[in-house]
Amino acid sequence: MLESLSALVFAAAISSLTAQDSDQYQFDREVLECVSVEDCTPYLMRRRGVRHTDDLIEHLVSVYSQAGADGRVAVIEAIGRAERFEARPGVQVAMHLPGYTEADQGRILALVSEDLFSDATVLLGHVGERLALLELMEAQDGQYNRASFVDAVSVAGDRAIPVFLPYMSSLIREDREEDAWTLANGLRTFRSSDAYSQFRVPITSASIQMLFELAASTATADEERLAAMILLQRGGDAIRTVEEGLLEMARGEHERLAPLALSALMEIRNHEIVPDLIAQCQSHGLGDERYFDLYGPCQFDYFQFLGPNAIPAGPRMLDLLNSEHLEFRLEVIKTLAAIGYRPAVPRLRELLRSEYWSEVIEAANALRSLDDRGYASIIEEVASTHWLPFAREELELVMSGWLTEAVEDEDADDRLWRFPEAEACASGRWAWQGAVIDEPGSDAIMTDPAENDFGRRMVLDLGAFQLIGTDRGEWSGELYIQSGEGDPVRLVEDNVLSMQRVEGGAIVATGLNHMMPGRGNIYLVTETNDGWHLSHLTEATGPSYGGLVRVS
């Protein structure tokens, strides 16, 4: 940021000031004219108390404040003339200057470019300019406006509530509750490390009390009550001032307010609500994934935040591992680990042999979190049978306790592109009617993985046509057939594990072959007078695929 404190930004402001001290004035001029951190360092070190950018901005604010209205106008004009990066510190300086008028605020909005719209509107939020906030709310379709609005409201804090409340109520009335939640999130987006955190206005206990009374009043329209409860949850520690009232509301029968009261109590880690939370989830169908949505009463985050206090929910959570949805199961595994539910260990050990690699990794992390020392040998076995080098490496990282967030959070699509670098599958061999089949098929040609972008690929030439199979592990593959110069036709959407020539055609095994037990299907592709025919022979589960038997 030091390099952006250039003459382009503040020359106009500095030139309008009368230096009280010639040495100090010369220092200010030198700082403003330097263009890099290296250039600025000598000047910063010469100035007592100036050790980093914040100190420098504080010093400049002090200088400009002495100039009164002229200094404010000079800063605004400098921002308007500057490029994006030069103007950013100017906005921060402007936020500190007292006495801005409505005309000053409008001038900033008129002068700044789209790139600086967010910075300028944070200033508007800082001074609580209601009209500007409302205009931003009405312009939600613009990308910059949306980001700027969140920034402005984050800074406005308490002052944003009178503007926010009626607008959110109207969104809920229009069946746009999700938009209301999205906008309210602005009130808690700032952390201590954020650029504008020093400008944030907190939400006070008085505002929280007002919001709670509004939500609890039966004379208030439902959409206003909901809007008030959504805003109340952004109050941080101030929520404790209405804790008893929230407990009563959470145990009430209002279908919409009770879950929101639970959510607010979760924000302050109120452990008394564990039985109520479980009962609320069960009344909505704890085993139904639909009730674990962003705004529902059964968010996994609730249980994870509660930690060991949520152990009573363990048995029901364990049941949820039977879900058919992978992403849902992954959240359940994380929750079981977060609450420290050790009875889940046997089930988690079973998941180390899951056909889904993400589930294996999540189960391994959960077992390590639960300090289950017996899982190491299973992980070693699973890792040794996996045909992907990076997958084995991940399990080794789990075992060593050094699995990084970068590995845990790696996008599935990014992993997919690592398949072309993977070695040929060496996880096992199969026998068909007593004859051992070499993997991936004695008559199949394994193409060079570096030449294609879709994982392992094999081709089996049957004369009149070719079978083409791909394998992308848990991201699935395809079986195609191609006759002559025609386009390939997809027959099956599944990983092709093996293709073996038999009389009149070929046997094709599909599924997931990187761990025991296997899962998939066996197909017979035969040549006919009209071309070809695909027959499904059997669904394959376990180590034996019908007539196809795994021998190693």
Protein backbone atom coordinates (compact mmCIF):
# COMPACT_ATOMS: atom_id res chain seq x y z
CA MET A 1 0.00 0.00 0.00
CA LEU A 2 2.96 2.32 0.58
CA GLU A 3 3.74 2.42 -3.09
CA SER A 4 0.26 3.72 -3.80
CA LEU A 5 0.75 6.73 -1.54
CA SER A 6 1.97 8.79 -4.44
CA ALA A 7 1.78 12.41 -5.40
CA LEU A 8 -1.00 11.53 -7.81
CA VAL A 9 -3.32 10.89 -4.89
CA PHE A 10 -2.50 13.57 -2.38
CA ALA A 11 -0.56 16.30 -4.11
CA ALA A 12 -3.61 18.54 -4.29
CA ALA A 13 -4.32 18.10 -0.60
CA ILE A 14 -0.75 18.67 0.51
CA SER A 15 -0.34 21.75 -1.63
CA SER A 16 -3.36 23.35 0.04
CA LEU A 17 -1.89 23.05 3.52
CA THR A 18 0.28 25.47 5.39
CA ALA A 19 3.08 23.57 7.05
CA GLN A 20 3.45 24.36 10.74
CA ASP A 21 6.95 22.97 10.68
CA SER A 22 9.23 23.20 7.65
CA ASP A 23 11.02 19.92 8.42
CA GLN A 24 7.71 18.10 8.85
CA TYR A 25 6.38 19.60 5.64
CA GLN A 26 9.47 18.44 3.76
CA PHE A 27 8.97 14.92 5.17
CA ASP A 28 5.37 14.85 3.94
CA ARG A 29 6.42 15.95 0.48
CA GLU A 30 9.11 13.26 0.30
CA VAL A 31 6.72 10.52 1.37
CA LEU A 32 4.10 11.54 -1.16
CA GLU A 33 6.62 11.62 -3.99
CA CYS A 34 8.13 8.20 -3.33
CA VAL A 35 6.66 5.42 -5.43
CA SER A 36 7.80 2.19 -3.79
CA VAL A 37 8.16 0.63 -0.36
CA GLU A 38 11.93 0.70 -0.73
CA ASP A 39 11.88 4.40 -1.58
CA CYS A 40 9.57 5.22 1.30
CA THR A 41 11.39 3.25 3.99
CA PRO A 42 14.09 5.86 4.77
CA TYR A 43 11.48 8.57 5.20
CA LEU A 44 9.28 6.38 7.36
CA MET A 45 12.18 5.51 9.63
CA ARG A 46 13.11 9.17 10.01
CA ARG A 47 9.61 10.01 11.23
CA ARG A 48 9.18 9.11 14.88
CA GLY A 49 6.20 6.80 15.39
CA VAL A 50 5.75 5.98 11.70
CA ARG A 51 6.65 2.31 11.27
CA HIS A 52 4.04 1.04 8.78
CA THR A 53 1.26 2.14 6.47
CA ASP A 54 -1.39 2.57 9.18
CA ASP A 55 0.87 5.00 11.02
CA LEU A 56 1.45 6.94 7.84
CA ILE A 57 -2.27 7.18 7.06
CA GLU A 58 -2.92 8.29 10.63
CA HIS A 59 -0.32 11.01 10.22
CA LEU A 60 -1.79 12.20 6.90
CA VAL A 61 -5.28 12.26 8.40
CA SER A 62 -3.97 14.49 11.16
CA VAL A 63 -2.48 16.88 8.61
CA TYR A 64 -5.62 17.00 6.46
CA SER A 65 -7.93 17.42 9.43
CA GLN A 66 -6.19 20.65 10.33
CA ALA A 67 -7.14 21.98 6.91
CA GLY A 68 -10.86 21.56 7.61
CA ALA A 69 -13.24 21.68 4.64
CA ASP A 70 -10.46 22.54 2.19
CA GLY A 71 -8.58 19.38 3.13
CA ARG A 72 -11.67 17.22 2.67
CA VAL A 73 -12.37 18.66 -0.77
CA ALA A 74 -8.74 18.18 -1.77
CA VAL A 75 -8.84 14.51 -0.81
CA ILE A 76 -12.09 13.94 -2.74
CA GLU A 77 -10.71 15.62 -5.83
CA ALA A 78 -7.47 13.64 -5.62
CA ILE A 79 -9.46 10.39 -5.40
CA GLY A 80 -11.43 11.35 -8.47
CA ARG A 81 -8.30 12.01 -10.54
CA ALA A 82 -6.37 8.96 -9.38
CA GLU A 83 -6.11 5.52 -10.81
CA ARG A 84 -7.49 2.56 -8.91
CA PHE A 85 -4.49 1.64 -6.75
CA GLU A 86 -3.41 5.20 -6.02
CA ALA A 87 -6.89 6.16 -4.87
CA ARG A 88 -7.45 3.28 -2.45
CA PRO A 89 -5.42 4.79 0.43
CA GLY A 90 -7.13 8.09 -0.25
CA VAL A 91 -10.50 6.52 0.52
CA GLN A 92 -9.12 5.20 3.80
CA VAL A 93 -7.86 8.65 4.71
CA ALA A 94 -11.20 10.16 3.75
CA MET A 95 -13.02 7.75 6.07
CA HIS A 96 -11.19 9.23 9.04
CA LEU A 97 -11.93 12.85 8.25
CA PRO A 98 -14.83 14.31 10.26
CA GLY A 99 -17.60 16.51 9.01
CA TYR A 100 -18.47 15.04 5.64
CA THR A 101 -21.64 16.48 4.16
CA GLU A 102 -24.16 14.79 1.91
CA ALA A 103 -22.66 16.73 -1.00
CA ASP A 104 -19.21 15.33 -0.20
CA GLN A 105 -20.56 11.79 -0.21
CA GLY A 106 -22.31 12.26 -3.52
CA ARG A 107 -19.17 13.76 -5.02
CA ILE A 108 -17.14 10.69 -4.07
CA LEU A 109 -19.66 8.38 -5.73
CA ALA A 110 -19.67 10.56 -8.84
CA LEU A 111 -15.88 10.70 -9.11
CA VAL A 112 -14.72 7.17 -8.39
CA SER A 113 -14.41 4.53 -11.07
CA GLU A 114 -16.21 1.21 -10.94
CA ASP A 115 -13.07 -0.36 -9.49
CA LEU A 116 -13.27 1.97 -6.51
CA PHE A 117 -17.00 1.81 -5.99
CA SER A 118 -16.63 -0.60 -3.09
CA ASP A 119 -14.16 1.63 -1.24
CA ALA A 120 -16.31 4.71 -1.64
CA THR A 121 -19.46 3.01 -0.45
CA VAL A 122 -17.69 1.74 2.64
CA LEU A 123 -17.18 5.40 3.44
CA LEU A 124 -20.90 5.96 2.97
CA GLY A 125 -21.63 3.10 5.33
CA HIS A 126 -19.15 4.51 7.81
CA VAL A 127 -21.00 7.81 7.99
CA GLY A 128 -24.42 6.12 7.91
CA GLU A 129 -25.67 7.79 4.74
CA ARG A 130 -29.14 6.25 4.44
CA LEU A 131 -29.92 7.37 0.91
CA ALA A 132 -26.76 5.84 -0.55
CA LEU A 133 -27.42 2.53 1.21
CA LEU A 134 -30.95 2.40 -0.15
CA GLU A 135 -29.72 3.13 -3.66
CA LEU A 136 -27.26 0.26 -3.38
CA MET A 137 -30.03 -2.06 -2.24
CA GLU A 138 -32.06 -1.20 -5.32
CA ALA A 139 -29.09 -1.97 -7.59
CA GLN A 140 -28.40 -5.53 -6.51
CA ASP A 141 -28.04 -6.84 -10.05
CA GLY A 142 -24.68 -5.15 -10.56
CA GLN A 143 -21.63 -7.13 -9.48
CA TYR A 144 -19.80 -4.14 -8.07
CA ASN A 145 -22.91 -2.80 -6.39
CA ARG A 146 -23.50 -6.10 -4.66
CA ALA A 147 -19.97 -6.26 -3.26
CA SER A 148 -20.03 -2.60 -2.34
CA PHE A 149 -23.32 -2.99 -0.54
CA VAL A 150 -21.99 -5.75 1.70
CA ASP A 151 -18.90 -3.69 2.49
CA ALA A 152 -20.93 -0.59 3.26
CA VAL A 153 -23.36 -2.41 5.53
CA SER A 154 -20.54 -4.25 7.30
CA VAL A 155 -19.04 -0.94 8.26
CA ALA A 156 -22.34 0.77 8.99
CA GLY A 157 -23.27 -1.88 11.57
CA ASP A 158 -25.82 -0.44 13.98
CA ARG A 159 -26.62 2.42 11.63
CA ALA A 160 -27.58 0.01 8.84
CA ILE A 161 -30.37 -1.67 10.81
CA PRO A 162 -33.06 1.03 10.34
CA VAL A 163 -32.37 0.92 6.60
CA PHE A 164 -32.02 -2.84 6.45
CA LEU A 165 -35.11 -3.91 8.34
CA PRO A 166 -37.85 -2.62 6.00
CA TYR A 167 -35.90 -3.65 2.91
CA MET A 168 -35.38 -7.22 4.15
CA SER A 169 -39.04 -7.40 5.14
CA SER A 170 -40.01 -6.51 1.58
CA LEU A 171 -37.68 -9.20 0.21
CA ILE A 172 -39.29 -11.82 2.45
CA ARG A 173 -42.73 -10.59 1.43
CA GLU A 174 -41.70 -11.16 -2.21
CA ASP A 175 -40.63 -14.73 -1.38
CA ARG A 176 -36.94 -13.77 -1.60
CA GLU A 177 -35.83 -14.87 1.84
CA GLU A 178 -32.54 -16.21 0.50
CA ASP A 179 -31.67 -12.73 -0.76
CA ALA A 180 -32.48 -11.32 2.66
CA TRP A 181 -30.04 -13.75 4.27
CA THR A 182 -27.36 -12.93 1.73
CA LEU A 183 -27.62 -9.23 2.42
CA ALA A 184 -27.68 -9.69 6.19
CA ASN A 185 -24.42 -11.61 6.00
CA GLY A 186 -22.72 -8.29 5.38
CA LEU A 187 -23.12 -7.45 9.05
CA ARG A 188 -20.70 -10.16 10.08
CA THR A 189 -18.26 -10.38 7.19
CA PHE A 190 -15.50 -8.34 8.78
CA ARG A 191 -12.61 -9.87 10.70
CA SER A 192 -9.84 -8.11 12.53
CA SER A 193 -7.56 -8.57 9.53
CA ASP A 194 -9.95 -6.96 7.04
CA ALA A 195 -8.93 -3.67 5.47
CA TYR A 196 -11.84 -1.70 6.93
CA SER A 197 -12.20 -3.46 10.28
CA GLN A 198 -11.06 -0.36 12.16
CA PHE A 199 -14.03 1.54 10.74
CA ARG A 200 -16.71 -0.97 11.66
CA VAL A 201 -19.57 0.19 13.84
CA PRO A 202 -20.67 -2.63 16.20
CA ILE A 203 -24.24 -3.76 16.62
CA THR A 204 -25.18 -2.62 20.12
CA SER A 205 -27.16 -4.37 22.84
CA ALA A 206 -29.87 -1.74 22.46
CA SER A 207 -30.33 -2.68 18.80
CA ILE A 208 -30.43 -6.38 19.65
CA GLN A 209 -33.08 -5.72 22.30
CA MET A 210 -35.12 -3.74 19.79
CA LEU A 211 -34.86 -6.50 17.17
CA PHE A 212 -35.86 -9.19 19.68
CA GLU A 213 -38.89 -7.26 20.90
CA LEU A 214 -39.96 -6.76 17.30
CA ALA A 215 -39.56 -10.48 16.54
CA ALA A 216 -41.40 -11.54 19.70
CA SER A 217 -44.36 -9.23 19.13
CA THR A 218 -47.42 -11.04 17.81
CA ALA A 219 -48.71 -7.69 16.58
CA THR A 220 -45.86 -7.48 14.06
CA ALA A 221 -46.18 -8.85 10.53
CA ASP A 222 -44.47 -12.21 10.05
CA GLU A 223 -42.05 -10.95 7.41
CA GLU A 224 -40.86 -8.19 9.76
CA ARG A 225 -40.46 -10.69 12.59
CA LEU A 226 -38.36 -12.93 10.35
CA ALA A 227 -36.25 -10.02 9.14
CA ALA A 228 -35.64 -8.93 12.73
CA MET A 229 -34.56 -12.44 13.74
CA ILE A 230 -32.21 -12.74 10.77
CA LEU A 231 -30.58 -9.43 11.67
CA LEU A 232 -30.44 -10.33 15.36
CA GLN A 233 -28.16 -13.27 14.62
CA ARG A 234 -25.47 -10.87 13.41
CA GLY A 235 -25.15 -9.28 16.83
CA GLY A 236 -22.23 -11.28 18.19
CA ASP A 237 -21.84 -11.15 21.95
CA ALA A 238 -24.65 -8.59 22.17
CA ILE A 239 -27.06 -11.51 21.63
CA ARG A 240 -26.46 -12.54 25.24
CA THR A 241 -28.63 -9.65 26.40
CA VAL A 242 -31.72 -11.49 25.09
CA GLU A 243 -30.52 -15.04 25.75
CA GLU A 244 -33.37 -16.05 28.06
CA GLY A 245 -35.97 -14.76 25.65
CA LEU A 246 -34.36 -16.66 22.79
CA LEU A 247 -34.41 -19.89 24.79
CA GLU A 248 -38.14 -19.48 25.33
CA MET A 249 -38.68 -18.71 21.66
CA ALA A 250 -36.56 -21.70 20.58
CA ARG A 251 -38.79 -23.98 22.66
CA GLY A 252 -41.92 -22.44 21.20
CA GLU A 253 -44.03 -23.72 18.35
CA HIS A 254 -43.54 -21.00 15.76
CA GLU A 255 -42.39 -22.91 12.68
CA ARG A 256 -40.09 -20.15 11.41
CA LEU A 257 -38.99 -18.29 14.52
CA ALA A 258 -38.02 -21.30 16.66
CA PRO A 259 -35.25 -22.45 14.26
CA LEU A 260 -33.97 -18.89 13.97
CA ALA A 261 -33.86 -18.58 17.75
CA LEU A 262 -31.85 -21.80 17.86
CA SER A 263 -29.51 -20.37 15.28
CA ALA A 264 -29.02 -17.18 17.29
CA LEU A 265 -28.25 -19.19 20.41
CA MET A 266 -25.71 -21.16 18.44
CA GLU A 267 -23.90 -17.91 17.67
CA ILE A 268 -23.15 -17.53 21.39
CA ARG A 269 -22.55 -21.28 21.96
CA ASN A 270 -25.46 -21.78 24.34
CA HIS A 271 -25.16 -25.42 25.41
CA GLU A 272 -28.60 -25.58 27.01
CA ILE A 273 -30.19 -25.94 23.60
CA VAL A 274 -28.69 -29.34 22.70
CA PRO A 275 -31.83 -31.34 23.64
CA ASP A 276 -34.03 -28.75 21.95
CA LEU A 277 -31.87 -28.80 18.84
CA ILE A 278 -32.09 -32.58 18.57
CA ALA A 279 -35.84 -32.54 19.20
CA GLN A 280 -36.31 -29.81 16.61
CA CYS A 281 -34.34 -31.78 14.03
CA GLN A 282 -36.22 -34.98 14.78
CA SER A 283 -39.57 -33.24 14.47
CA HIS A 284 -38.57 -32.14 10.98
CA GLY A 285 -37.22 -35.56 10.04
CA LEU A 286 -33.58 -35.80 11.12
CA GLY A 287 -32.90 -38.48 8.53
CA ASP A 288 -34.12 -36.33 5.66
CA GLU A 289 -31.37 -34.41 3.88
CA ARG A 290 -33.81 -31.67 2.91
CA TYR A 291 -33.83 -30.36 6.46
CA PHE A 292 -30.09 -29.83 6.55
CA ASP A 293 -30.16 -26.82 4.27
CA LEU A 294 -28.67 -23.38 4.69
CA TYR A 295 -31.51 -21.93 6.74
CA GLY A 296 -33.07 -25.02 8.31
CA PRO A 297 -32.97 -26.08 11.95
CA CYS A 298 -30.53 -28.94 11.42
CA GLN A 299 -27.42 -27.32 10.03
CA PHE A 300 -24.36 -29.48 10.58
CA ASP A 301 -22.49 -26.37 11.70
CA TYR A 302 -24.69 -26.21 14.78
CA PHE A 303 -23.56 -29.61 16.02
CA GLN A 304 -19.95 -29.02 15.00
CA PHE A 305 -19.86 -25.74 16.95
CA LEU A 306 -21.25 -27.43 20.04
CA GLY A 307 -18.50 -30.04 20.02
CA PRO A 308 -18.74 -32.64 22.83
CA ASN A 309 -21.90 -30.96 24.12
CA ALA A 310 -23.67 -32.39 21.07
CA ILE A 311 -22.74 -36.02 21.80
CA PRO A 312 -26.43 -36.84 22.51
CA ALA A 313 -26.98 -36.33 18.78
CA GLY A 314 -24.37 -38.98 17.96
CA PRO A 315 -26.70 -41.98 17.45
CA ARG A 316 -28.92 -40.07 15.04
CA MET A 317 -25.89 -38.74 13.19
CA LEU A 318 -24.56 -42.26 12.86
CA ASP A 319 -27.82 -43.30 11.20
CA LEU A 320 -27.35 -40.54 8.64
CA LEU A 321 -24.27 -42.30 7.27
CA ASN A 322 -26.74 -44.51 5.41
CA SER A 323 -27.64 -41.60 3.14
CA GLU A 324 -27.26 -42.18 -0.59
CA HIS A 325 -25.78 -38.70 -1.09
CA LEU A 326 -22.00 -38.54 -0.87
CA GLU A 327 -21.72 -34.84 0.05
CA PHE A 328 -24.27 -35.34 2.81
CA ARG A 329 -22.29 -38.29 4.23
CA LEU A 330 -19.09 -36.25 4.19
CA GLU A 331 -20.73 -33.61 6.40
CA VAL A 332 -21.97 -36.32 8.76
CA ILE A 333 -18.44 -37.72 9.07
CA LYS A 334 -17.05 -34.26 9.89
CA THR A 335 -19.76 -33.77 12.50
CA LEU A 336 -19.13 -37.11 14.20
CA ALA A 337 -15.48 -36.15 14.52
CA ALA A 338 -16.28 -32.62 15.73
CA ILE A 339 -18.53 -33.81 18.55
CA GLY A 340 -16.10 -36.58 19.52
CA TYR A 341 -18.56 -39.45 19.11
CA ARG A 342 -16.32 -42.50 19.62
CA PRO A 343 -19.04 -45.14 19.04
CA ALA A 344 -18.74 -44.11 15.39
CA VAL A 345 -15.23 -45.60 15.13
CA PRO A 346 -16.24 -49.05 13.79
CA ARG A 347 -18.43 -47.51 11.09
CA LEU A 348 -15.72 -45.01 10.16
CA ARG A 349 -13.23 -47.86 9.83
CA GLU A 350 -15.57 -49.50 7.34
CA LEU A 351 -15.61 -46.28 5.32
CA LEU A 352 -11.86 -46.52 4.88
CA ARG A 353 -12.77 -49.07 2.20
CA SER A 354 -15.36 -46.83 0.59
CA GLU A 355 -15.45 -46.74 -3.19
CA TYR A 356 -15.31 -42.93 -2.97
CA TRP A 357 -11.88 -41.51 -2.34
CA SER A 358 -13.19 -38.31 -0.70
CA GLU A 359 -15.07 -40.47 1.82
CA VAL A 360 -11.92 -42.46 2.57
CA ILE A 361 -9.96 -39.29 3.27
CA GLU A 362 -12.74 -37.80 5.43
CA ALA A 363 -13.08 -41.03 7.43
CA ALA A 364 -9.32 -41.20 7.93
CA ASN A 365 -9.26 -37.63 9.23
CA ALA A 366 -12.19 -38.35 11.54
CA LEU A 367 -10.50 -41.43 12.98
CA ARG A 368 -7.32 -39.47 13.59
CA SER A 369 -9.40 -36.78 15.31
CA LEU A 370 -11.01 -39.45 17.49
CA ASP A 371 -7.54 -40.82 18.26
CA ASP A 372 -8.32 -44.28 16.94
CA ARG A 373 -4.86 -45.79 16.72
CA GLY A 374 -6.18 -48.97 15.15
CA TYR A 375 -6.96 -47.28 11.86
CA ALA A 376 -3.35 -47.00 10.72
CA SER A 377 -3.03 -50.59 9.50
CA ILE A 378 -6.26 -50.31 7.49
CA ILE A 379 -5.10 -47.09 5.89
CA GLU A 380 -1.81 -48.72 4.92
CA GLU A 381 -3.69 -51.58 3.29
CA VAL A 382 -6.07 -49.27 1.44
CA ALA A 383 -3.23 -47.04 0.28
CA SER A 384 -1.23 -49.98 -1.01
CA THR A 385 -4.11 -51.17 -3.22
CA HIS A 386 -4.95 -47.80 -4.77
CA TRP A 387 -3.72 -47.26 -8.30
CA LEU A 388 -3.41 -43.46 -8.01
CA PRO A 389 -0.08 -42.25 -6.59
CA PHE A 390 -1.54 -38.97 -5.30
CA ALA A 391 -4.28 -40.90 -3.47
CA ARG A 392 -1.70 -43.00 -1.66
CA GLU A 393 0.20 -39.84 -0.81
CA GLU A 394 -2.90 -38.25 0.73
CA LEU A 395 -3.45 -41.21 3.03
CA GLU A 396 0.17 -41.10 4.06
CA LEU A 397 -0.31 -37.43 4.92
CA VAL A 398 -3.36 -38.29 7.02
CA MET A 399 -1.36 -40.88 8.90
CA SER A 400 1.46 -38.46 9.56
CA GLY A 401 -0.95 -35.83 10.82
CA TRP A 402 0.20 -33.33 8.23
CA LEU A 403 -2.76 -33.32 5.86
CA THR A 404 -2.94 -29.68 4.83
CA GLU A 405 -6.01 -27.63 4.03
CA ALA A 406 -4.75 -27.34 0.47
CA VAL A 407 -5.01 -31.11 0.09
CA GLU A 408 -8.31 -31.40 1.95
CA ASP A 409 -9.99 -28.63 -0.01
CA GLU A 410 -8.60 -29.50 -3.42
CA ASP A 411 -11.38 -29.27 -5.95
CA ALA A 412 -12.53 -32.53 -7.49
CA ASP A 413 -12.07 -31.08 -10.96
CA ASP A 414 -8.44 -30.29 -10.14
CA ARG A 415 -7.90 -33.86 -9.02
CA LEU A 416 -9.47 -35.16 -12.18
CA TRP A 417 -6.79 -33.55 -14.31
CA ARG A 418 -4.13 -35.48 -12.43
CA PHE A 419 -5.44 -38.75 -13.79
CA PRO A 420 -3.47 -38.56 -17.07
CA GLU A 421 -0.31 -38.72 -14.97
CA ALA A 422 -1.44 -41.84 -13.12
CA GLU A 423 0.15 -45.22 -13.65
CA ALA A 424 -1.80 -48.13 -15.09
CA CYS A 425 -4.08 -49.86 -12.62
CA ALA A 426 -2.14 -52.43 -10.65
CA SER A 427 -4.71 -53.10 -7.96
CA GLY A 428 -5.75 -56.59 -9.04
CA ARG A 429 -6.34 -59.16 -11.75
CA TRP A 430 -9.46 -60.98 -12.90
CA ALA A 431 -10.28 -64.41 -14.29
CA TRP A 432 -13.11 -65.18 -16.74
CA GLN A 433 -14.24 -68.81 -16.86
CA GLY A 434 -10.95 -69.92 -15.36
CA ALA A 435 -8.66 -67.87 -17.62
CA VAL A 436 -6.69 -65.08 -15.95
CA ILE A 437 -7.15 -61.70 -17.61
CA ASP A 438 -4.26 -59.28 -17.54
CA GLU A 439 -5.30 -55.82 -16.37
CA PRO A 440 -6.67 -53.87 -18.18
CA GLY A 441 -7.25 -56.65 -20.73
CA SER A 442 -4.86 -58.84 -22.66
CA ASP A 443 -6.18 -57.68 -26.02
CA ALA A 444 -6.63 -54.05 -25.02
CA ILE A 445 -4.16 -51.30 -25.77
CA MET A 446 -3.45 -48.86 -22.95
CA THR A 447 -2.85 -45.48 -24.54
CA ASP A 448 -0.19 -43.15 -23.22
CA PRO A 449 -1.89 -41.26 -20.36
CA ALA A 450 0.06 -38.13 -21.28
CA GLU A 451 -1.71 -38.03 -24.65
CA ASN A 452 -5.25 -37.68 -23.33
CA ASP A 453 -7.09 -35.57 -20.81
CA PHE A 454 -9.56 -38.05 -19.44
CA GLY A 455 -7.77 -40.55 -17.24
CA ARG A 456 -6.82 -44.10 -18.20
CA ARG A 457 -7.96 -45.11 -21.67
CA MET A 458 -7.98 -48.54 -23.32
CA VAL A 459 -8.89 -49.72 -26.81
CA LEU A 460 -9.91 -53.23 -27.86
CA ASP A 461 -9.91 -53.91 -31.61
CA LEU A 462 -12.56 -56.45 -32.61
CA GLY A 463 -12.17 -56.13 -36.36
CA ALA A 464 -15.46 -54.62 -37.53
CA PHE A 465 -15.50 -52.23 -34.60
CA GLN A 466 -13.45 -50.99 -31.67
CA LEU A 467 -14.35 -50.74 -28.01
CA ILE A 468 -12.97 -47.67 -26.23
CA GLY A 469 -13.02 -47.52 -22.44
CA THR A 470 -12.04 -44.78 -20.00
CA ASP A 471 -11.53 -44.85 -16.23
CA ARG A 472 -11.62 -41.73 -14.05
CA GLY A 473 -11.98 -43.41 -10.68
CA GLU A 474 -14.79 -41.97 -8.58
CA TRP A 475 -15.46 -39.36 -11.27
CA SER A 476 -16.65 -42.14 -13.60
CA GLY A 477 -15.72 -43.12 -17.15
CA GLU A 478 -17.39 -44.37 -20.33
CA LEU A 479 -17.53 -47.31 -22.71
CA TYR A 480 -17.79 -46.38 -26.39
CA ILE A 481 -18.06 -48.40 -29.58
CA GLN A 482 -16.79 -47.15 -32.92
CA SER A 483 -17.38 -48.69 -36.35
CA GLY A 484 -15.07 -47.72 -39.19
CA GLU A 485 -14.74 -43.96 -39.58
CA GLY A 486 -17.98 -43.16 -37.78
CA ASP A 487 -18.30 -41.25 -34.54
CA PRO A 488 -18.00 -43.22 -31.27
CA VAL A 489 -21.31 -44.19 -29.66
CA ARG A 490 -21.50 -44.28 -25.86
CA LEU A 491 -22.78 -47.60 -24.53
CA VAL A 492 -22.20 -47.31 -20.78
CA GLU A 493 -21.39 -44.45 -18.40
CA ASP A 494 -19.09 -46.11 -15.88
CA ASN A 495 -15.40 -46.79 -15.40
CA VAL A 496 -14.12 -49.50 -17.74
CA LEU A 497 -11.91 -51.82 -15.71
CA SER A 498 -11.25 -54.62 -18.15
CA MET A 499 -12.09 -55.63 -21.72
CA GLN A 500 -11.46 -59.24 -22.79
CA ARG A 501 -12.04 -60.83 -26.19
CA VAL A 502 -14.39 -63.83 -26.17
CA GLU A 503 -16.01 -65.80 -28.99
CA GLY A 504 -18.20 -63.42 -31.01
CA GLY A 505 -17.31 -60.26 -29.09
CA ALA A 506 -15.93 -59.09 -25.75
CA ILE A 507 -16.61 -59.15 -22.03
CA VAL A 508 -16.40 -55.73 -20.37
CA ALA A 509 -16.14 -55.18 -16.60
CA THR A 510 -17.09 -51.73 -15.30
CA GLY A 511 -17.17 -50.08 -11.91
CA LEU A 512 -14.68 -49.01 -9.27
CA ASN A 513 -11.66 -51.24 -9.06
CA HIS A 514 -9.25 -49.25 -6.95
CA MET A 515 -10.26 -50.83 -3.64
CA MET A 516 -11.81 -53.99 -2.26
CA PRO A 517 -14.64 -54.81 -2.43
CA GLY A 518 -15.43 -54.11 -6.04
CA ARG A 519 -18.71 -52.75 -7.40
CA GLY A 520 -19.91 -52.59 -10.95
CA ASN A 521 -21.39 -54.53 -13.84
CA ILE A 522 -20.45 -57.12 -16.44
CA TYR A 523 -21.46 -56.59 -20.07
CA LEU A 524 -21.21 -58.71 -23.20
CA VAL A 525 -20.70 -56.89 -26.50
CA THR A 526 -21.33 -59.11 -29.55
CA GLU A 527 -21.15 -58.60 -33.28
CA THR A 528 -24.45 -59.01 -35.18
CA ASN A 529 -25.59 -58.82 -38.78
CA ASP A 530 -26.77 -55.28 -38.12
CA GLY A 531 -23.63 -54.20 -36.25
CA TRP A 532 -23.37 -54.91 -32.54
CA HIS A 533 -25.41 -55.73 -29.44
CA LEU A 534 -24.86 -54.89 -25.77
CA SER A 535 -26.08 -57.33 -23.10
CA HIS A 536 -25.99 -56.76 -19.36
CA LEU A 537 -24.88 -60.05 -17.84
CA THR A 538 -24.85 -59.30 -14.12
CA GLU A 539 -24.50 -56.63 -11.48
CA ALA A 540 -21.17 -57.11 -9.80
CA THR A 541 -20.76 -56.62 -6.08
CA GLY A 542 -17.99 -57.86 -3.84
CA PRO A 543 -14.77 -59.53 -4.98
CA SER A 544 -16.60 -61.84 -7.42
CA TYR A 545 -18.32 -60.40 -10.51
CA GLY A 546 -20.55 -63.26 -11.56
CA GLY A 547 -18.36 -65.32 -13.87
CA LEU A 548 -15.59 -62.74 -13.56
CA VAL A 549 -13.54 -63.50 -10.47
CA ARG A 550 -10.91 -61.33 -8.86
CA VAL A 551 -7.80 -63.41 -8.31
CA SER A 552 -5.41 -60.86 -6.79
